[in-house]
Amino acid sequence: MKTPPLLSATSIGKVYSVSRGFLRGRQDLHALSDISLTVGRGEIVGLVGESGCGKSTLARILLGLEAPTTGTVAVDGVSINESSQRVRARRIQPVFQDPYGSLNPSQSIADSIELPLAVHQIGGPEDRRKRVRALVDMVGLPKRMMEAYPNELSGGQRQRVAIARALAIEPELLICDEPTSALDVSVQAQILNLLLDLRDETKVAMLFISHDLAVIEHLTDRMIVMYLGRVVETGPTAGIFAGPLHPYTRTLREAVFTPDDEGGLPDLGLKGTFPNPLEPPTGCAFHPRCPRATPLCAGERPVSQDGGEGRTVACHHAFGGRAEA
């Protein structure tokens, strides 16, 4: 019998009812449409796309903080609706974008890290403090910072505290929602390398959400590319970077800045701007901006196709010449 993945989401959809303005009634906003993904044990999966594509909405659903309109989320093949929030939290923990906003300013670093242990009634007071000291050491913080407060730490140090707190109850999966986007480049690299080391040491799996493909390339084993609430391409990270099949993925790859001072801004060949989610384009949502769009793209939504080597792509023209051709 095949072992189910640690985390699986099947046909996730999320619809919000939003106001159209004074006396204009309400309108449905389809934030997510037919999203399916898996994360295996010890695996790091990247979820990438522009701001507004639905990444954070999906993260909240996977954490059980919001209910999907359609679809199911399962851990080890068992729906998360069949377990309590406390049980889910033991297995899945978040690491948010803003560590300062997620830490209690009136609690010391040691107390913040210890809190999950107390909530889940793990160990006695001395055992908890011993675990806190080990976690502080694991994430590379000096012991003297245990009695410090969040406002006394740098952004990178606060993010290390947030990671230590997430690891306190030994979860099997971390859902990291843009955890490095507020940090400068050098600190980003330190946090990314820390996450890789922690994966090797603790075998914790991660779903890493980002709009930055350079981060995704450095950190992840597989990646999922989203556009306007839909998945457009998936596959091993190395394979997608070597040859993206979807024009949007190619655009994201080309948008990564290089250290070359004379390189200038990349010419992405895009038309228009990110569409209004309340008035999504017909057919392929990317077609108004796509340099390879045809009338077929405007009239018919592409279905996901097998791209070989563990890859999928939702593009009418993915195999009529690869997207970078």
C-alpha atoms as a PDB file:
ATOM      1  CA  MET A   1       0.000   0.000   0.000  1.00  0.00           C
ATOM      2  CA  LYS A   2       1.381   3.396  -1.009  1.00  0.00           C
ATOM      3  CA  THR A   3       2.185   5.703   1.910  1.00  0.00           C
ATOM      4  CA  PRO A   4       0.245   9.007   1.646  1.00  0.00           C
ATOM      5  CA  PRO A   5       2.200  12.269   1.574  1.00  0.00           C
ATOM      6  CA  LEU A   6       2.659  14.170   4.804  1.00  0.00           C
ATOM      7  CA  LEU A   7       0.451  17.019   3.524  1.00  0.00           C
ATOM      8  CA  SER A   8      -1.944  16.906   0.603  1.00  0.00           C
ATOM      9  CA  ALA A   9      -4.405  19.462  -0.716  1.00  0.00           C
ATOM     10  CA  THR A  10      -6.943  18.382  -3.324  1.00  0.00           C
ATOM     11  CA  SER A  11      -8.991  20.702  -5.563  1.00  0.00           C
ATOM     12  CA  ILE A  12      -8.853  23.619  -3.124  1.00  0.00           C
ATOM     13  CA  GLY A  13     -11.076  26.554  -4.004  1.00  0.00           C
ATOM     14  CA  LYS A  14     -11.737  29.707  -2.017  1.00  0.00           C
ATOM     15  CA  VAL A  15     -14.447  32.241  -2.831  1.00  0.00           C
ATOM     16  CA  TYR A  16     -14.967  35.488  -0.927  1.00  0.00           C
ATOM     17  CA  SER A  17     -18.036  37.680  -1.179  1.00  0.00           C
ATOM     18  CA  VAL A  18     -16.805  41.276  -1.476  1.00  0.00           C
ATOM     19  CA  SER A  19     -18.651  44.578  -1.640  1.00  0.00           C
ATOM     20  CA  ARG A  20     -18.825  46.317  -5.015  1.00  0.00           C
ATOM     21  CA  GLY A  21     -19.435  49.669  -3.374  1.00  0.00           C
ATOM     22  CA  PHE A  22     -22.330  51.678  -1.980  1.00  0.00           C
ATOM     23  CA  LEU A  23     -25.695  50.294  -3.195  1.00  0.00           C
ATOM     24  CA  ARG A  24     -23.950  48.064  -5.766  1.00  0.00           C
ATOM     25  CA  GLY A  25     -24.352  44.786  -3.945  1.00  0.00           C
ATOM     26  CA  ARG A  26     -21.703  42.105  -3.561  1.00  0.00           C
ATOM     27  CA  GLN A  27     -19.603  40.037  -5.928  1.00  0.00           C
ATOM     28  CA  ASP A  28     -17.763  36.748  -5.682  1.00  0.00           C
ATOM     29  CA  LEU A  29     -13.961  36.885  -5.669  1.00  0.00           C
ATOM     30  CA  HIS A  30     -12.387  33.552  -6.634  1.00  0.00           C
ATOM     31  CA  ALA A  31      -9.126  33.723  -4.686  1.00  0.00           C
ATOM     32  CA  LEU A  32      -8.187  30.079  -5.331  1.00  0.00           C
ATOM     33  CA  SER A  33      -9.396  27.676  -8.009  1.00  0.00           C
ATOM     34  CA  ASP A  34      -8.724  23.934  -8.134  1.00  0.00           C
ATOM     35  CA  ILE A  35      -5.383  23.960  -6.276  1.00  0.00           C
ATOM     36  CA  SER A  36      -3.795  20.574  -5.590  1.00  0.00           C
ATOM     37  CA  LEU A  37      -0.384  19.968  -4.034  1.00  0.00           C
ATOM     38  CA  THR A  38       1.575  17.561  -1.864  1.00  0.00           C
ATOM     39  CA  VAL A  39       4.523  17.847   0.527  1.00  0.00           C
ATOM     40  CA  GLY A  40       6.464  14.704   1.419  1.00  0.00           C
ATOM     41  CA  ARG A  41       8.350  14.022   4.636  1.00  0.00           C
ATOM     42  CA  GLY A  42      11.609  15.945   4.828  1.00  0.00           C
ATOM     43  CA  GLU A  43      10.864  17.728   1.560  1.00  0.00           C
ATOM     44  CA  ILE A  44      11.053  21.480   0.923  1.00  0.00           C
ATOM     45  CA  VAL A  45       8.447  22.618  -1.602  1.00  0.00           C
ATOM     46  CA  GLY A  46       8.402  26.181  -2.914  1.00  0.00           C
ATOM     47  CA  LEU A  47       5.189  28.059  -3.718  1.00  0.00           C
ATOM     48  CA  VAL A  48       5.868  31.082  -5.896  1.00  0.00           C
ATOM     49  CA  GLY A  49       3.891  33.810  -7.635  1.00  0.00           C
ATOM     50  CA  GLU A  50       3.232  37.543  -7.695  1.00  0.00           C
ATOM     51  CA  SER A  51       1.593  39.345  -4.787  1.00  0.00           C
ATOM     52  CA  GLY A  52      -2.160  38.806  -4.968  1.00  0.00           C
ATOM     53  CA  CYS A  53      -2.014  35.388  -6.625  1.00  0.00           C
ATOM     54  CA  GLY A  54      -3.430  33.603  -3.546  1.00  0.00           C
ATOM     55  CA  LYS A  55      -0.304  32.199  -1.862  1.00  0.00           C
ATOM     56  CA  SER A  56      -1.091  33.481   1.635  1.00  0.00           C
ATOM     57  CA  THR A  57      -4.753  32.500   1.354  1.00  0.00           C
ATOM     58  CA  LEU A  58      -3.642  28.957   0.552  1.00  0.00           C
ATOM     59  CA  ALA A  59      -1.233  29.010   3.510  1.00  0.00           C
ATOM     60  CA  ARG A  60      -4.049  29.955   5.914  1.00  0.00           C
ATOM     61  CA  ILE A  61      -6.199  27.133   4.571  1.00  0.00           C
ATOM     62  CA  LEU A  62      -3.380  24.600   4.930  1.00  0.00           C
ATOM     63  CA  LEU A  63      -2.850  25.765   8.524  1.00  0.00           C
ATOM     64  CA  GLY A  64      -6.547  25.360   9.268  1.00  0.00           C
ATOM     65  CA  LEU A  65      -6.985  29.087   9.944  1.00  0.00           C
ATOM     66  CA  GLU A  66      -9.559  29.345   7.143  1.00  0.00           C
ATOM     67  CA  ALA A  67     -11.882  26.776   5.623  1.00  0.00           C
ATOM     68  CA  PRO A  68     -11.779  26.185   1.861  1.00  0.00           C
ATOM     69  CA  THR A  69     -14.940  26.743  -0.141  1.00  0.00           C
ATOM     70  CA  THR A  70     -14.247  23.504  -1.993  1.00  0.00           C
ATOM     71  CA  GLY A  71     -11.652  20.751  -1.695  1.00  0.00           C
ATOM     72  CA  THR A  72      -9.906  19.011   1.172  1.00  0.00           C
ATOM     73  CA  VAL A  73      -6.645  19.216   3.125  1.00  0.00           C
ATOM     74  CA  ALA A  74      -5.220  16.043   4.651  1.00  0.00           C
ATOM     75  CA  VAL A  75      -2.264  15.093   6.841  1.00  0.00           C
ATOM     76  CA  ASP A  76      -1.107  11.495   6.371  1.00  0.00           C
ATOM     77  CA  GLY A  77      -4.239  10.927   4.308  1.00  0.00           C
ATOM     78  CA  VAL A  78      -6.596  12.029   7.116  1.00  0.00           C
ATOM     79  CA  SER A  79      -8.659  15.205   6.657  1.00  0.00           C
ATOM     80  CA  ILE A  80      -7.638  18.010   8.989  1.00  0.00           C
ATOM     81  CA  ASN A  81     -11.329  18.486   9.772  1.00  0.00           C
ATOM     82  CA  GLU A  82     -11.189  15.209  11.673  1.00  0.00           C
ATOM     83  CA  SER A  83      -8.665  16.543  14.205  1.00  0.00           C
ATOM     84  CA  SER A  84      -8.653  19.473  16.605  1.00  0.00           C
ATOM     85  CA  GLN A  85      -6.658  22.671  16.122  1.00  0.00           C
ATOM     86  CA  ARG A  86      -4.372  21.584  18.962  1.00  0.00           C
ATOM     87  CA  VAL A  87      -3.595  18.263  17.265  1.00  0.00           C
ATOM     88  CA  ARG A  88      -2.950  20.006  13.922  1.00  0.00           C
ATOM     89  CA  ALA A  89      -0.632  22.477  15.621  1.00  0.00           C
ATOM     90  CA  ARG A  90       1.509  19.643  16.968  1.00  0.00           C
ATOM     91  CA  ARG A  91       2.188  18.546  13.388  1.00  0.00           C
ATOM     92  CA  ILE A  92       2.115  21.813  11.393  1.00  0.00           C
ATOM     93  CA  GLN A  93       3.569  25.136  12.520  1.00  0.00           C
ATOM     94  CA  PRO A  94       3.749  28.518  10.731  1.00  0.00           C
ATOM     95  CA  VAL A  95       6.659  30.901  10.297  1.00  0.00           C
ATOM     96  CA  PHE A  96       5.264  34.290   9.284  1.00  0.00           C
ATOM     97  CA  GLN A  97       6.697  37.165   7.289  1.00  0.00           C
ATOM     98  CA  ASP A  98       6.832  39.676  10.155  1.00  0.00           C
ATOM     99  CA  PRO A  99       8.528  38.143  13.203  1.00  0.00           C
ATOM    100  CA  TYR A 100       8.036  41.322  15.233  1.00  0.00           C
ATOM    101  CA  GLY A 101       4.269  41.160  14.677  1.00  0.00           C
ATOM    102  CA  SER A 102       4.129  37.474  15.634  1.00  0.00           C
ATOM    103  CA  LEU A 103       6.097  37.833  18.892  1.00  0.00           C
ATOM    104  CA  ASN A 104       4.584  39.199  22.084  1.00  0.00           C
ATOM    105  CA  PRO A 105       6.553  42.404  22.871  1.00  0.00           C
ATOM    106  CA  SER A 106       5.960  41.941  26.613  1.00  0.00           C
ATOM    107  CA  GLN A 107       7.463  38.433  26.706  1.00  0.00           C
ATOM    108  CA  SER A 108      11.144  37.601  26.849  1.00  0.00           C
ATOM    109  CA  ILE A 109      12.617  35.490  24.069  1.00  0.00           C
ATOM    110  CA  ALA A 110      12.804  32.466  26.395  1.00  0.00           C
ATOM    111  CA  ASP A 111       9.146  32.849  27.387  1.00  0.00           C
ATOM    112  CA  SER A 112       8.046  33.186  23.743  1.00  0.00           C
ATOM    113  CA  ILE A 113       9.854  29.995  22.742  1.00  0.00           C
ATOM    114  CA  GLU A 114       8.591  28.139  25.828  1.00  0.00           C
ATOM    115  CA  LEU A 115       4.943  29.110  25.339  1.00  0.00           C
ATOM    116  CA  PRO A 116       4.038  26.310  22.849  1.00  0.00           C
ATOM    117  CA  LEU A 117       5.532  23.756  25.247  1.00  0.00           C
ATOM    118  CA  ALA A 118       3.358  25.097  28.068  1.00  0.00           C
ATOM    119  CA  VAL A 119       0.212  25.237  25.902  1.00  0.00           C
ATOM    120  CA  HIS A 120       0.679  21.602  24.851  1.00  0.00           C
ATOM    121  CA  GLN A 121       1.723  20.596  28.388  1.00  0.00           C
ATOM    122  CA  ILE A 122       5.028  19.137  27.260  1.00  0.00           C
ATOM    123  CA  GLY A 123       7.474  18.478  30.110  1.00  0.00           C
ATOM    124  CA  GLY A 124       7.919  20.240  33.414  1.00  0.00           C
ATOM    125  CA  PRO A 125       9.368  23.740  33.971  1.00  0.00           C
ATOM    126  CA  GLU A 126      12.999  22.558  34.044  1.00  0.00           C
ATOM    127  CA  ASP A 127      12.564  20.316  31.002  1.00  0.00           C
ATOM    128  CA  ARG A 128      11.004  23.205  29.094  1.00  0.00           C
ATOM    129  CA  ARG A 129      13.847  25.587  29.924  1.00  0.00           C
ATOM    130  CA  LYS A 130      16.341  22.946  28.865  1.00  0.00           C
ATOM    131  CA  ARG A 131      14.482  22.581  25.562  1.00  0.00           C
ATOM    132  CA  VAL A 132      14.457  26.372  25.117  1.00  0.00           C
ATOM    133  CA  ARG A 133      18.224  26.560  25.649  1.00  0.00           C
ATOM    134  CA  ALA A 134      18.724  23.808  23.062  1.00  0.00           C
ATOM    135  CA  LEU A 135      16.491  25.597  20.541  1.00  0.00           C
ATOM    136  CA  VAL A 136      18.265  28.923  21.058  1.00  0.00           C
ATOM    137  CA  ASP A 137      21.541  27.181  20.342  1.00  0.00           C
ATOM    138  CA  MET A 138      20.045  25.326  17.350  1.00  0.00           C
ATOM    139  CA  VAL A 139      19.008  28.543  15.584  1.00  0.00           C
ATOM    140  CA  GLY A 140      22.340  30.234  16.258  1.00  0.00           C
ATOM    141  CA  LEU A 141      21.415  32.776  18.919  1.00  0.00           C
ATOM    142  CA  PRO A 142      23.666  33.495  21.931  1.00  0.00           C
ATOM    143  CA  LYS A 143      22.315  32.336  25.287  1.00  0.00           C
ATOM    144  CA  ARG A 144      22.431  35.872  26.668  1.00  0.00           C
ATOM    145  CA  MET A 145      19.503  36.803  24.393  1.00  0.00           C
ATOM    146  CA  MET A 146      17.125  34.460  26.184  1.00  0.00           C
ATOM    147  CA  GLU A 147      16.086  37.202  28.607  1.00  0.00           C
ATOM    148  CA  ALA A 148      15.978  39.921  25.935  1.00  0.00           C
ATOM    149  CA  TYR A 149      12.732  41.281  24.422  1.00  0.00           C
ATOM    150  CA  PRO A 150      11.760  41.428  20.726  1.00  0.00           C
ATOM    151  CA  ASN A 151      12.430  45.166  20.415  1.00  0.00           C
ATOM    152  CA  GLU A 152      16.040  44.581  21.489  1.00  0.00           C
ATOM    153  CA  LEU A 153      16.747  42.197  18.585  1.00  0.00           C
ATOM    154  CA  SER A 154      17.433  42.747  14.908  1.00  0.00           C
ATOM    155  CA  GLY A 155      15.019  41.508  12.236  1.00  0.00           C
ATOM    156  CA  GLY A 156      17.147  38.450  11.516  1.00  0.00           C
ATOM    157  CA  GLN A 157      17.433  37.596  15.208  1.00  0.00           C
ATOM    158  CA  ARG A 158      13.666  37.906  15.664  1.00  0.00           C
ATOM    159  CA  GLN A 159      13.097  35.560  12.725  1.00  0.00           C
ATOM    160  CA  ARG A 160      15.444  33.034  14.345  1.00  0.00           C
ATOM    161  CA  VAL A 161      13.332  33.280  17.497  1.00  0.00           C
ATOM    162  CA  ALA A 162      10.161  32.686  15.447  1.00  0.00           C
ATOM    163  CA  ILE A 163      11.758  29.604  13.866  1.00  0.00           C
ATOM    164  CA  ALA A 164      12.863  28.292  17.275  1.00  0.00           C
ATOM    165  CA  ARG A 165       9.340  28.759  18.633  1.00  0.00           C
ATOM    166  CA  ALA A 166       7.864  26.945  15.614  1.00  0.00           C
ATOM    167  CA  LEU A 167      10.248  24.016  16.196  1.00  0.00           C
ATOM    168  CA  ALA A 168       9.646  23.842  19.953  1.00  0.00           C
ATOM    169  CA  ILE A 169       6.965  21.120  19.804  1.00  0.00           C
ATOM    170  CA  GLU A 170       8.814  19.191  17.076  1.00  0.00           C
ATOM    171  CA  PRO A 171       6.312  19.584  14.198  1.00  0.00           C
ATOM    172  CA  GLU A 172       6.615  17.522  11.044  1.00  0.00           C
ATOM    173  CA  LEU A 173       5.932  20.476   8.720  1.00  0.00           C
ATOM    174  CA  LEU A 174       6.679  24.206   8.698  1.00  0.00           C
ATOM    175  CA  ILE A 175       4.604  26.506   6.506  1.00  0.00           C
ATOM    176  CA  CYS A 176       6.840  29.508   5.907  1.00  0.00           C
ATOM    177  CA  ASP A 177       4.988  32.507   4.433  1.00  0.00           C
ATOM    178  CA  GLU A 178       7.543  34.966   2.999  1.00  0.00           C
ATOM    179  CA  PRO A 179       9.774  34.590   6.104  1.00  0.00           C
ATOM    180  CA  THR A 180      12.755  36.441   4.590  1.00  0.00           C
ATOM    181  CA  SER A 181      11.119  39.160   2.467  1.00  0.00           C
ATOM    182  CA  ALA A 182      11.464  41.841   5.181  1.00  0.00           C
ATOM    183  CA  LEU A 183      15.179  41.124   5.702  1.00  0.00           C
ATOM    184  CA  ASP A 184      18.203  42.455   3.853  1.00  0.00           C
ATOM    185  CA  VAL A 185      20.026  40.158   1.456  1.00  0.00           C
ATOM    186  CA  SER A 186      22.851  39.075   3.757  1.00  0.00           C
ATOM    187  CA  VAL A 187      20.435  38.217   6.581  1.00  0.00           C
ATOM    188  CA  GLN A 188      18.156  36.415   4.100  1.00  0.00           C
ATOM    189  CA  ALA A 189      21.037  34.131   3.164  1.00  0.00           C
ATOM    190  CA  GLN A 190      21.712  33.345   6.840  1.00  0.00           C
ATOM    191  CA  ILE A 191      18.059  32.416   7.477  1.00  0.00           C
ATOM    192  CA  LEU A 192      17.840  30.285   4.316  1.00  0.00           C
ATOM    193  CA  ASN A 193      21.005  28.391   5.228  1.00  0.00           C
ATOM    194  CA  LEU A 194      19.638  27.948   8.757  1.00  0.00           C
ATOM    195  CA  LEU A 195      16.447  26.398   7.352  1.00  0.00           C
ATOM    196  CA  LEU A 196      18.468  24.001   5.210  1.00  0.00           C
ATOM    197  CA  ASP A 197      20.562  22.995   8.219  1.00  0.00           C
ATOM    198  CA  LEU A 198      17.440  22.476  10.318  1.00  0.00           C
ATOM    199  CA  ARG A 199      15.916  20.264   7.629  1.00  0.00           C
ATOM    200  CA  ASP A 200      19.062  18.123   7.639  1.00  0.00           C
ATOM    201  CA  GLU A 201      19.147  17.996  11.443  1.00  0.00           C
ATOM    202  CA  THR A 202      15.456  17.560  12.298  1.00  0.00           C
ATOM    203  CA  LYS A 203      14.042  16.131   9.018  1.00  0.00           C
ATOM    204  CA  VAL A 204      11.225  18.693   9.196  1.00  0.00           C
ATOM    205  CA  ALA A 205       9.397  19.269   5.904  1.00  0.00           C
ATOM    206  CA  MET A 206       8.624  22.786   4.666  1.00  0.00           C
ATOM    207  CA  LEU A 207       6.247  24.584   2.348  1.00  0.00           C
ATOM    208  CA  PHE A 208       8.140  27.781   1.564  1.00  0.00           C
ATOM    209  CA  ILE A 209       6.052  30.608   0.102  1.00  0.00           C
ATOM    210  CA  SER A 210       7.812  33.421  -1.741  1.00  0.00           C
ATOM    211  CA  HIS A 211       7.624  35.779  -4.705  1.00  0.00           C
ATOM    212  CA  ASP A 212      11.430  35.600  -5.067  1.00  0.00           C
ATOM    213  CA  LEU A 213      12.648  32.888  -7.436  1.00  0.00           C
ATOM    214  CA  ALA A 214      16.256  33.313  -6.315  1.00  0.00           C
ATOM    215  CA  VAL A 215      15.196  32.193  -2.841  1.00  0.00           C
ATOM    216  CA  ILE A 216      13.142  29.309  -4.233  1.00  0.00           C
ATOM    217  CA  GLU A 217      16.067  28.115  -6.373  1.00  0.00           C
ATOM    218  CA  HIS A 218      18.442  28.125  -3.400  1.00  0.00           C
ATOM    219  CA  LEU A 219      16.155  26.373  -0.927  1.00  0.00           C
ATOM    220  CA  THR A 220      13.593  24.049  -2.478  1.00  0.00           C
ATOM    221  CA  ASP A 221      13.448  20.542  -3.931  1.00  0.00           C
ATOM    222  CA  ARG A 222      10.221  21.074  -5.873  1.00  0.00           C
ATOM    223  CA  MET A 223       8.289  24.195  -6.802  1.00  0.00           C
ATOM    224  CA  ILE A 224       4.713  25.193  -7.589  1.00  0.00           C
ATOM    225  CA  VAL A 225       4.043  28.307  -9.681  1.00  0.00           C
ATOM    226  CA  MET A 226       0.737  30.147  -9.176  1.00  0.00           C
ATOM    227  CA  TYR A 227      -0.931  32.856 -11.222  1.00  0.00           C
ATOM    228  CA  LEU A 228      -4.228  34.516 -10.285  1.00  0.00           C
ATOM    229  CA  GLY A 229      -5.334  31.728  -7.960  1.00  0.00           C
ATOM    230  CA  ARG A 230      -4.375  28.794 -10.198  1.00  0.00           C
ATOM    231  CA  VAL A 231      -1.365  26.511 -10.508  1.00  0.00           C
ATOM    232  CA  VAL A 232       0.341  26.972 -13.892  1.00  0.00           C
ATOM    233  CA  GLU A 233       3.465  24.813 -13.481  1.00  0.00           C
ATOM    234  CA  THR A 234       4.965  22.313 -11.042  1.00  0.00           C
ATOM    235  CA  GLY A 235       8.059  20.154 -10.931  1.00  0.00           C
ATOM    236  CA  PRO A 236      11.575  19.701  -9.564  1.00  0.00           C
ATOM    237  CA  THR A 237      13.140  23.109  -8.953  1.00  0.00           C
ATOM    238  CA  ALA A 238      16.314  22.360 -10.919  1.00  0.00           C
ATOM    239  CA  GLY A 239      14.324  21.189 -13.949  1.00  0.00           C
ATOM    240  CA  ILE A 240      12.037  24.215 -13.997  1.00  0.00           C
ATOM    241  CA  PHE A 241      14.952  26.631 -13.759  1.00  0.00           C
ATOM    242  CA  ALA A 242      16.785  24.775 -16.522  1.00  0.00           C
ATOM    243  CA  GLY A 243      13.808  24.970 -18.880  1.00  0.00           C
ATOM    244  CA  PRO A 244      10.500  26.530 -17.799  1.00  0.00           C
ATOM    245  CA  LEU A 245       7.505  25.270 -19.766  1.00  0.00           C
ATOM    246  CA  HIS A 246       5.066  28.082 -18.961  1.00  0.00           C
ATOM    247  CA  PRO A 247       5.685  31.642 -20.239  1.00  0.00           C
ATOM    248  CA  TYR A 248       4.819  33.045 -16.803  1.00  0.00           C
ATOM    249  CA  THR A 249       7.457  30.874 -15.135  1.00  0.00           C
ATOM    250  CA  ARG A 250       9.983  32.054 -17.713  1.00  0.00           C
ATOM    251  CA  THR A 251       9.023  35.655 -16.919  1.00  0.00           C
ATOM    252  CA  LEU A 252       9.574  35.102 -13.202  1.00  0.00           C
ATOM    253  CA  ARG A 253      12.942  33.505 -13.881  1.00  0.00           C
ATOM    254  CA  GLU A 254      14.052  36.368 -16.109  1.00  0.00           C
ATOM    255  CA  ALA A 255      12.963  38.911 -13.476  1.00  0.00           C
ATOM    256  CA  VAL A 256      15.630  37.701 -11.018  1.00  0.00           C
ATOM    257  CA  PHE A 257      18.259  40.427 -10.670  1.00  0.00           C
ATOM    258  CA  THR A 258      21.928  39.600 -11.149  1.00  0.00           C
ATOM    259  CA  PRO A 259      24.974  41.278  -9.531  1.00  0.00           C
ATOM    260  CA  ASP A 260      25.954  42.740 -12.934  1.00  0.00           C
ATOM    261  CA  ASP A 261      25.850  46.536 -12.522  1.00  0.00           C
ATOM    262  CA  GLU A 262      25.721  47.040 -16.286  1.00  0.00           C
ATOM    263  CA  GLY A 263      22.984  44.538 -16.936  1.00  0.00           C
ATOM    264  CA  GLY A 264      20.130  47.020 -16.517  1.00  0.00           C
ATOM    265  CA  LEU A 265      16.519  46.007 -16.011  1.00  0.00           C
ATOM    266  CA  PRO A 266      15.524  42.744 -17.721  1.00  0.00           C
ATOM    267  CA  ASP A 267      13.235  43.007 -20.748  1.00  0.00           C
ATOM    268  CA  LEU A 268      10.415  40.643 -19.801  1.00  0.00           C
ATOM    269  CA  GLY A 269       8.304  41.185 -22.895  1.00  0.00           C
ATOM    270  CA  LEU A 270       5.112  41.446 -20.861  1.00  0.00           C
ATOM    271  CA  LYS A 271       2.022  43.357 -21.914  1.00  0.00           C
ATOM    272  CA  GLY A 272      -0.382  45.045 -19.511  1.00  0.00           C
ATOM    273  CA  THR A 273      -0.514  44.609 -15.744  1.00  0.00           C
ATOM    274  CA  PHE A 274      -1.674  42.009 -13.228  1.00  0.00           C
ATOM    275  CA  PRO A 275      -5.424  41.536 -13.869  1.00  0.00           C
ATOM    276  CA  ASN A 276      -8.241  42.511 -11.537  1.00  0.00           C
ATOM    277  CA  PRO A 277      -9.198  39.339  -9.593  1.00  0.00           C
ATOM    278  CA  LEU A 278     -12.830  40.510  -9.608  1.00  0.00           C
ATOM    279  CA  GLU A 279     -12.790  40.547 -13.417  1.00  0.00           C
ATOM    280  CA  PRO A 280     -10.463  37.691 -14.418  1.00  0.00           C
ATOM    281  CA  PRO A 281      -9.627  37.251 -18.104  1.00  0.00           C
ATOM    282  CA  THR A 282     -11.359  34.572 -20.119  1.00  0.00           C
ATOM    283  CA  GLY A 283      -9.432  31.478 -21.149  1.00  0.00           C
ATOM    284  CA  CYS A 284      -5.881  31.421 -19.817  1.00  0.00           C
ATOM    285  CA  ALA A 285      -5.630  34.115 -17.144  1.00  0.00           C
ATOM    286  CA  PHE A 286      -2.114  35.008 -18.320  1.00  0.00           C
ATOM    287  CA  HIS A 287      -3.034  35.576 -21.973  1.00  0.00           C
ATOM    288  CA  PRO A 288      -3.497  39.411 -21.833  1.00  0.00           C
ATOM    289  CA  ARG A 289       0.169  39.717 -20.757  1.00  0.00           C
ATOM    290  CA  CYS A 290       1.674  36.741 -22.570  1.00  0.00           C
ATOM    291  CA  PRO A 291       3.980  37.402 -25.558  1.00  0.00           C
ATOM    292  CA  ARG A 292       3.000  34.005 -27.038  1.00  0.00           C
ATOM    293  CA  ALA A 293      -0.782  34.273 -26.666  1.00  0.00           C
ATOM    294  CA  THR A 294      -3.095  33.215 -29.511  1.00  0.00           C
ATOM    295  CA  PRO A 295      -6.902  33.353 -29.914  1.00  0.00           C
ATOM    296  CA  LEU A 296      -7.041  29.849 -28.408  1.00  0.00           C
ATOM    297  CA  CYS A 297      -5.529  31.214 -25.178  1.00  0.00           C
ATOM    298  CA  ALA A 298      -8.225  33.891 -24.925  1.00  0.00           C
ATOM    299  CA  GLY A 299     -11.080  31.488 -25.532  1.00  0.00           C
ATOM    300  CA  GLU A 300     -10.177  28.288 -23.683  1.00  0.00           C
ATOM    301  CA  ARG A 301      -8.658  27.687 -20.267  1.00  0.00           C
ATOM    302  CA  PRO A 302      -5.718  25.269 -20.518  1.00  0.00           C
ATOM    303  CA  VAL A 303      -5.783  22.083 -18.465  1.00  0.00           C
ATOM    304  CA  SER A 304      -2.772  20.754 -16.600  1.00  0.00           C
ATOM    305  CA  GLN A 305      -0.636  18.428 -18.756  1.00  0.00           C
ATOM    306  CA  ASP A 306       2.091  15.967 -17.903  1.00  0.00           C
ATOM    307  CA  GLY A 307       5.422  17.590 -18.740  1.00  0.00           C
ATOM    308  CA  GLY A 308       7.526  14.516 -17.996  1.00  0.00           C
ATOM    309  CA  GLU A 309      10.168  14.086 -15.274  1.00  0.00           C
ATOM    310  CA  GLY A 310       7.653  14.854 -12.540  1.00  0.00           C
ATOM    311  CA  ARG A 311       6.478  18.106 -14.115  1.00  0.00           C
ATOM    312  CA  THR A 312       3.062  19.526 -14.996  1.00  0.00           C
ATOM    313  CA  VAL A 313       2.121  22.646 -16.955  1.00  0.00           C
ATOM    314  CA  ALA A 314      -1.144  24.415 -17.838  1.00  0.00           C
ATOM    315  CA  CYS A 315      -0.368  26.075 -21.174  1.00  0.00           C
ATOM    316  CA  HIS A 316      -1.775  25.480 -24.678  1.00  0.00           C
ATOM    317  CA  HIS A 317       1.638  26.028 -26.278  1.00  0.00           C
ATOM    318  CA  ALA A 318       4.007  24.475 -23.732  1.00  0.00           C
ATOM    319  CA  PHE A 319       5.111  21.739 -26.115  1.00  0.00           C
ATOM    320  CA  GLY A 320       5.074  23.632 -29.380  1.00  0.00           C
ATOM    321  CA  GLY A 321       8.601  24.752 -28.499  1.00  0.00           C
ATOM    322  CA  ARG A 322       9.595  25.269 -24.868  1.00  0.00           C
ATOM    323  CA  ALA A 323       8.577  28.521 -23.250  1.00  0.00           C
ATOM    324  CA  GLU A 324      12.023  30.037 -23.452  1.00  0.00           C
ATOM    325  CA  ALA A 325      12.322  29.440 -27.211  1.00  0.00           C
END
